[in-house]
């Protein structure tokens, strides 16, 4: 497998970076040592700053957050 970018860590920053690269047509793979279930069930970001909220909305990821 070949990719342009490898991101280490599937936390909020790694996932956002992967999404932003995807929007620009850049292939990326995200590597994480924990299981998918662990990642999806763990709360990692308790407070979001306004700039982060704006970025989530601008990139199409804010719908669930708004609910």
N, C-alpha and C. Protein backbone atom coordinates (compact mmCIF):
# COMPACT_ATOMS: atom_id res chain seq x y z
N UNK A 1 0.84 -1.18 0.00
CA UNK A 1 0.00 0.00 0.00
C UNK A 1 0.88 1.24 0.00
N UNK A 2 0.54 2.19 -0.83
CA UNK A 2 1.26 3.46 -0.88
C UNK A 2 0.29 4.59 -0.52
N UNK A 3 0.79 5.54 0.21
CA UNK A 3 -0.01 6.70 0.58
C UNK A 3 0.89 7.92 0.62
N UNK A 4 0.31 9.10 0.50
CA UNK A 4 1.09 10.32 0.53
C UNK A 4 1.47 10.73 1.95
N UNK A 5 0.58 10.46 2.91
CA UNK A 5 0.80 10.91 4.28
C UNK A 5 0.37 9.81 5.24
N UNK A 6 1.14 9.63 6.30
CA UNK A 6 0.75 8.75 7.40
C UNK A 6 0.59 9.59 8.65
N UNK A 7 -0.55 9.44 9.31
CA UNK A 7 -0.85 10.17 10.54
C UNK A 7 -0.80 9.16 11.68
N UNK A 8 -0.08 9.48 12.71
CA UNK A 8 0.03 8.61 13.88
C UNK A 8 -0.94 9.09 14.94
N UNK A 9 -1.96 8.29 15.24
CA UNK A 9 -2.92 8.61 16.28
C UNK A 9 -4.28 8.99 15.73
N UNK A 10 -5.31 8.30 16.21
CA UNK A 10 -6.68 8.54 15.76
C UNK A 10 -7.47 9.37 16.77
N UNK A 11 -6.77 10.28 17.43
CA UNK A 11 -7.45 11.21 18.32
C UNK A 11 -8.10 12.32 17.51
N UNK A 12 -8.70 13.28 18.17
CA UNK A 12 -9.38 14.36 17.45
C UNK A 12 -8.49 15.08 16.44
N UNK A 13 -7.25 15.36 16.81
CA UNK A 13 -6.35 16.08 15.89
C UNK A 13 -5.99 15.22 14.68
N UNK A 14 -5.68 13.95 14.91
CA UNK A 14 -5.32 13.07 13.81
C UNK A 14 -6.46 12.85 12.84
N UNK A 15 -7.67 12.66 13.39
CA UNK A 15 -8.84 12.47 12.53
C UNK A 15 -9.18 13.74 11.75
N UNK A 16 -9.06 14.90 12.39
CA UNK A 16 -9.33 16.15 11.69
C UNK A 16 -8.31 16.37 10.59
N UNK A 17 -7.03 16.12 10.88
CA UNK A 17 -6.01 16.27 9.85
C UNK A 17 -6.29 15.34 8.67
N UNK A 18 -6.66 14.11 8.95
CA UNK A 18 -7.00 13.18 7.89
C UNK A 18 -8.15 13.67 7.03
N UNK A 19 -9.15 14.24 7.67
CA UNK A 19 -10.30 14.78 6.94
C UNK A 19 -9.91 15.99 6.09
N UNK A 20 -9.13 16.90 6.67
CA UNK A 20 -8.70 18.09 5.92
C UNK A 20 -7.85 17.70 4.71
N UNK A 21 -6.98 16.72 4.87
CA UNK A 21 -6.17 16.25 3.74
C UNK A 21 -7.08 15.63 2.68
N UNK A 22 -8.04 14.85 3.10
CA UNK A 22 -8.99 14.23 2.16
C UNK A 22 -9.72 15.29 1.33
N UNK A 23 -10.14 16.36 1.98
CA UNK A 23 -10.84 17.43 1.26
C UNK A 23 -9.96 18.07 0.20
N UNK A 24 -8.64 18.00 0.39
CA UNK A 24 -7.69 18.57 -0.57
C UNK A 24 -7.20 17.54 -1.58
N UNK A 25 -7.76 16.33 -1.51
CA UNK A 25 -7.37 15.28 -2.45
C UNK A 25 -6.04 14.61 -2.12
N UNK A 26 -5.62 14.70 -0.88
CA UNK A 26 -4.36 14.10 -0.45
C UNK A 26 -4.67 12.80 0.29
N UNK A 27 -4.08 11.71 -0.20
CA UNK A 27 -4.29 10.41 0.43
C UNK A 27 -3.55 10.33 1.75
N UNK A 28 -4.23 9.82 2.76
CA UNK A 28 -3.61 9.66 4.08
C UNK A 28 -4.13 8.39 4.73
N UNK A 29 -3.29 7.81 5.57
CA UNK A 29 -3.70 6.68 6.38
C UNK A 29 -3.44 7.07 7.83
N UNK A 30 -4.35 6.67 8.71
CA UNK A 30 -4.23 6.99 10.14
C UNK A 30 -3.91 5.69 10.87
N UNK A 31 -2.80 5.69 11.60
CA UNK A 31 -2.40 4.52 12.36
C UNK A 31 -2.70 4.74 13.84
N UNK A 32 -3.26 3.72 14.47
CA UNK A 32 -3.62 3.79 15.89
C UNK A 32 -3.37 2.43 16.50
N UNK A 33 -2.81 2.40 17.71
CA UNK A 33 -2.53 1.13 18.37
C UNK A 33 -3.75 0.56 19.09
N UNK A 34 -4.69 1.41 19.41
CA UNK A 34 -5.90 0.95 20.12
C UNK A 34 -6.93 0.44 19.13
N UNK A 35 -7.91 -0.31 19.62
CA UNK A 35 -8.96 -0.86 18.75
C UNK A 35 -9.93 0.25 18.34
N UNK A 36 -10.65 0.01 17.25
CA UNK A 36 -11.65 0.97 16.79
C UNK A 36 -12.70 1.20 17.87
N UNK A 37 -13.14 0.12 18.54
CA UNK A 37 -14.14 0.23 19.60
C UNK A 37 -13.64 1.15 20.72
N UNK A 38 -12.39 0.98 21.10
CA UNK A 38 -11.81 1.82 22.15
C UNK A 38 -11.82 3.29 21.74
N UNK A 39 -11.42 3.57 20.52
CA UNK A 39 -11.36 4.94 20.02
C UNK A 39 -12.75 5.56 19.99
N UNK A 40 -13.73 4.81 19.49
CA UNK A 40 -15.09 5.36 19.36
C UNK A 40 -15.79 5.56 20.69
N UNK A 41 -15.42 4.79 21.71
CA UNK A 41 -16.10 4.87 23.00
C UNK A 41 -15.43 5.83 23.99
N UNK A 42 -14.19 6.19 23.74
CA UNK A 42 -13.43 7.03 24.67
C UNK A 42 -13.70 8.50 24.41
N UNK A 43 -14.00 9.22 25.47
CA UNK A 43 -14.18 10.67 25.37
C UNK A 43 -12.79 11.30 25.44
N UNK A 44 -12.42 12.06 24.40
CA UNK A 44 -11.08 12.65 24.36
C UNK A 44 -11.11 14.17 24.44
N UNK A 45 -12.16 14.78 23.96
CA UNK A 45 -12.20 16.24 23.95
C UNK A 45 -13.43 16.69 24.75
N UNK A 46 -13.19 17.25 25.91
CA UNK A 46 -14.30 17.68 26.75
C UNK A 46 -14.77 19.09 26.45
N UNK A 47 -13.88 19.96 26.02
CA UNK A 47 -14.20 21.34 25.72
C UNK A 47 -13.60 21.69 24.36
N UNK A 48 -14.39 22.30 23.51
CA UNK A 48 -13.90 22.72 22.20
C UNK A 48 -13.86 24.24 22.15
N UNK A 49 -12.74 24.77 21.71
CA UNK A 49 -12.63 26.22 21.54
C UNK A 49 -13.39 26.64 20.30
N UNK A 50 -13.74 27.91 20.22
CA UNK A 50 -14.57 28.42 19.12
C UNK A 50 -13.93 28.17 17.75
N UNK A 51 -12.62 28.31 17.64
CA UNK A 51 -11.95 28.06 16.37
C UNK A 51 -12.13 26.62 15.91
N UNK A 52 -12.11 25.69 16.86
CA UNK A 52 -12.32 24.28 16.53
C UNK A 52 -13.75 24.04 16.09
N UNK A 53 -14.69 24.63 16.80
CA UNK A 53 -16.11 24.51 16.42
C UNK A 53 -16.33 25.07 15.02
N UNK A 54 -15.75 26.21 14.73
CA UNK A 54 -15.87 26.81 13.40
C UNK A 54 -15.30 25.90 12.33
N UNK A 55 -14.13 25.32 12.60
CA UNK A 55 -13.49 24.42 11.63
C UNK A 55 -14.34 23.17 11.39
N UNK A 56 -14.90 22.61 12.45
CA UNK A 56 -15.78 21.44 12.29
C UNK A 56 -16.98 21.80 11.41
N UNK A 57 -17.58 22.94 11.65
CA UNK A 57 -18.72 23.36 10.83
C UNK A 57 -18.32 23.63 9.38
N UNK A 58 -17.19 24.29 9.17
CA UNK A 58 -16.73 24.63 7.81
C UNK A 58 -16.39 23.39 6.98
N UNK A 59 -15.95 22.33 7.64
CA UNK A 59 -15.54 21.13 6.92
C UNK A 59 -16.64 20.06 6.86
N UNK A 60 -17.83 20.42 7.31
CA UNK A 60 -18.95 19.49 7.22
C UNK A 60 -19.04 18.47 8.33
N UNK A 61 -18.32 18.69 9.41
CA UNK A 61 -18.32 17.72 10.51
C UNK A 61 -19.06 18.20 11.75
N UNK A 62 -19.75 19.32 11.67
CA UNK A 62 -20.36 19.91 12.86
C UNK A 62 -21.79 19.51 13.15
N UNK A 63 -22.44 18.77 12.27
CA UNK A 63 -23.85 18.45 12.45
C UNK A 63 -24.11 17.68 13.74
N UNK A 64 -23.35 16.64 13.97
CA UNK A 64 -23.56 15.83 15.18
C UNK A 64 -23.26 16.65 16.43
N UNK A 65 -22.22 17.47 16.36
CA UNK A 65 -21.85 18.32 17.50
C UNK A 65 -22.99 19.27 17.83
N UNK A 66 -23.65 19.82 16.84
CA UNK A 66 -24.73 20.78 17.06
C UNK A 66 -25.94 20.15 17.73
N UNK A 67 -26.13 18.86 17.50
CA UNK A 67 -27.27 18.18 18.13
C UNK A 67 -27.07 18.06 19.61
